[in-house]
């Protein structure tokens, strides 16, 4: 697990555009509708301004409990948030 998770950070940092952590350029913006579930005990939470500058954020939910393993810690509220996000996309124009 360790090497495979480190690879993600290495490739993000060293790829063209550099990924979110490296700043990147405008060509690496994500145009797909994005939902963010922010948990207070997450290991790394980038500033909201960074994320909104690079992603088409349609929903940003800040939860009061949970962290890196939110799906195990808060499955009901996370599941509802995911359903709400996708439901909103099905009723709006992409």
Protein backbone atom coordinates (compact mmCIF):
# COMPACT_ATOMS: atom_id res chain seq x y z
CA UNK A 1 0.00 0.00 0.00
CA UNK A 2 2.78 2.45 0.88
CA UNK A 3 4.59 2.48 -2.48
CA UNK A 4 1.35 2.70 -4.47
CA UNK A 5 0.12 5.68 -2.45
CA UNK A 6 3.49 7.44 -2.70
CA UNK A 7 3.45 6.92 -6.48
CA UNK A 8 0.27 9.03 -6.73
CA UNK A 9 2.00 11.98 -5.03
CA UNK A 10 5.20 11.53 -7.06
CA UNK A 11 3.37 11.43 -10.40
CA UNK A 12 1.16 14.36 -9.46
CA UNK A 13 4.18 16.43 -8.50
CA UNK A 14 6.32 15.48 -11.51
CA UNK A 15 3.78 15.37 -14.33
CA UNK A 16 3.18 18.12 -16.91
CA UNK A 17 0.93 20.65 -15.25
CA UNK A 18 2.18 19.48 -11.88
CA UNK A 19 -1.13 18.61 -10.28
CA UNK A 20 -2.91 20.58 -7.58
CA UNK A 21 0.00 20.51 -5.12
CA UNK A 22 2.51 21.90 -7.59
CA UNK A 23 0.39 24.79 -8.85
CA UNK A 24 0.28 23.58 -12.45
CA UNK A 25 -0.99 25.66 -15.33
CA UNK A 26 -4.44 26.38 -16.74
CA UNK A 27 -4.22 23.45 -19.16
CA UNK A 28 -4.55 21.06 -16.22
CA UNK A 29 -7.93 22.41 -15.04
CA UNK A 30 -10.63 19.78 -14.52
CA UNK A 31 -13.87 20.65 -16.31
CA UNK A 32 -15.90 17.69 -15.02
CA UNK A 33 -18.45 18.66 -12.33
CA UNK A 34 -16.84 18.00 -8.96
CA UNK A 35 -18.17 17.48 -5.45
CA UNK A 36 -16.00 18.01 -2.38
CA UNK A 37 -16.62 16.35 0.98
CA UNK A 38 -14.36 18.08 3.50
CA UNK A 39 -13.82 16.34 6.83
CA UNK A 40 -12.11 18.13 9.75
CA UNK A 41 -9.62 15.34 10.57
CA UNK A 42 -8.41 14.81 7.01
CA UNK A 43 -4.65 14.57 6.61
CA UNK A 44 -4.40 17.33 4.00
CA UNK A 45 -7.07 19.84 3.04
CA UNK A 46 -5.98 22.28 0.33
CA UNK A 47 -7.30 25.84 0.54
CA UNK A 48 -10.73 26.12 -1.03
CA UNK A 49 -9.48 28.87 -3.35
CA UNK A 50 -6.89 26.48 -4.85
CA UNK A 51 -9.49 23.80 -5.50
CA UNK A 52 -12.09 26.17 -6.97
CA UNK A 53 -9.45 27.65 -9.28
CA UNK A 54 -8.70 24.21 -10.81
CA UNK A 55 -11.97 22.26 -10.59
CA UNK A 56 -15.60 22.83 -11.60
CA UNK A 57 -16.85 22.60 -8.01
CA UNK A 58 -20.63 22.17 -7.93
CA UNK A 59 -20.96 21.08 -4.28
CA UNK A 60 -18.69 21.61 -1.28
CA UNK A 61 -19.79 20.10 2.00
CA UNK A 62 -17.93 20.70 5.26
CA UNK A 63 -18.64 17.96 7.77
CA UNK A 64 -18.33 18.33 11.55
CA UNK A 65 -16.81 14.87 12.17
CA UNK A 66 -14.66 12.36 10.36
CA UNK A 67 -11.35 12.29 8.56
CA UNK A 68 -9.19 10.33 6.18
CA UNK A 69 -11.38 7.23 6.50
CA UNK A 70 -14.69 9.10 6.26
CA UNK A 71 -16.47 6.25 4.48
CA UNK A 72 -15.87 4.09 7.56
CA UNK A 73 -16.30 6.86 10.13
CA UNK A 74 -19.37 8.64 8.74
CA UNK A 75 -20.89 6.32 6.11
CA UNK A 76 -24.48 7.60 6.35
CA UNK A 77 -23.73 11.31 5.95
CA UNK A 78 -21.08 10.74 3.29
CA UNK A 79 -23.38 8.43 1.34
CA UNK A 80 -26.22 10.97 1.48
CA UNK A 81 -23.87 13.73 0.31
CA UNK A 82 -22.71 11.65 -2.66
CA UNK A 83 -26.30 10.83 -3.61
CA UNK A 84 -27.28 14.50 -3.29
CA UNK A 85 -24.35 15.53 -5.51
CA UNK A 86 -25.21 13.13 -8.32
CA UNK A 87 -28.93 13.86 -8.02
CA UNK A 88 -28.23 17.56 -8.52
CA UNK A 89 -26.31 16.77 -11.70
CA UNK A 90 -29.10 14.71 -13.16
CA UNK A 91 -31.53 17.65 -12.84
CA UNK A 92 -29.20 20.36 -14.13
CA UNK A 93 -27.34 20.93 -17.36
CA UNK A 94 -23.76 19.78 -17.35
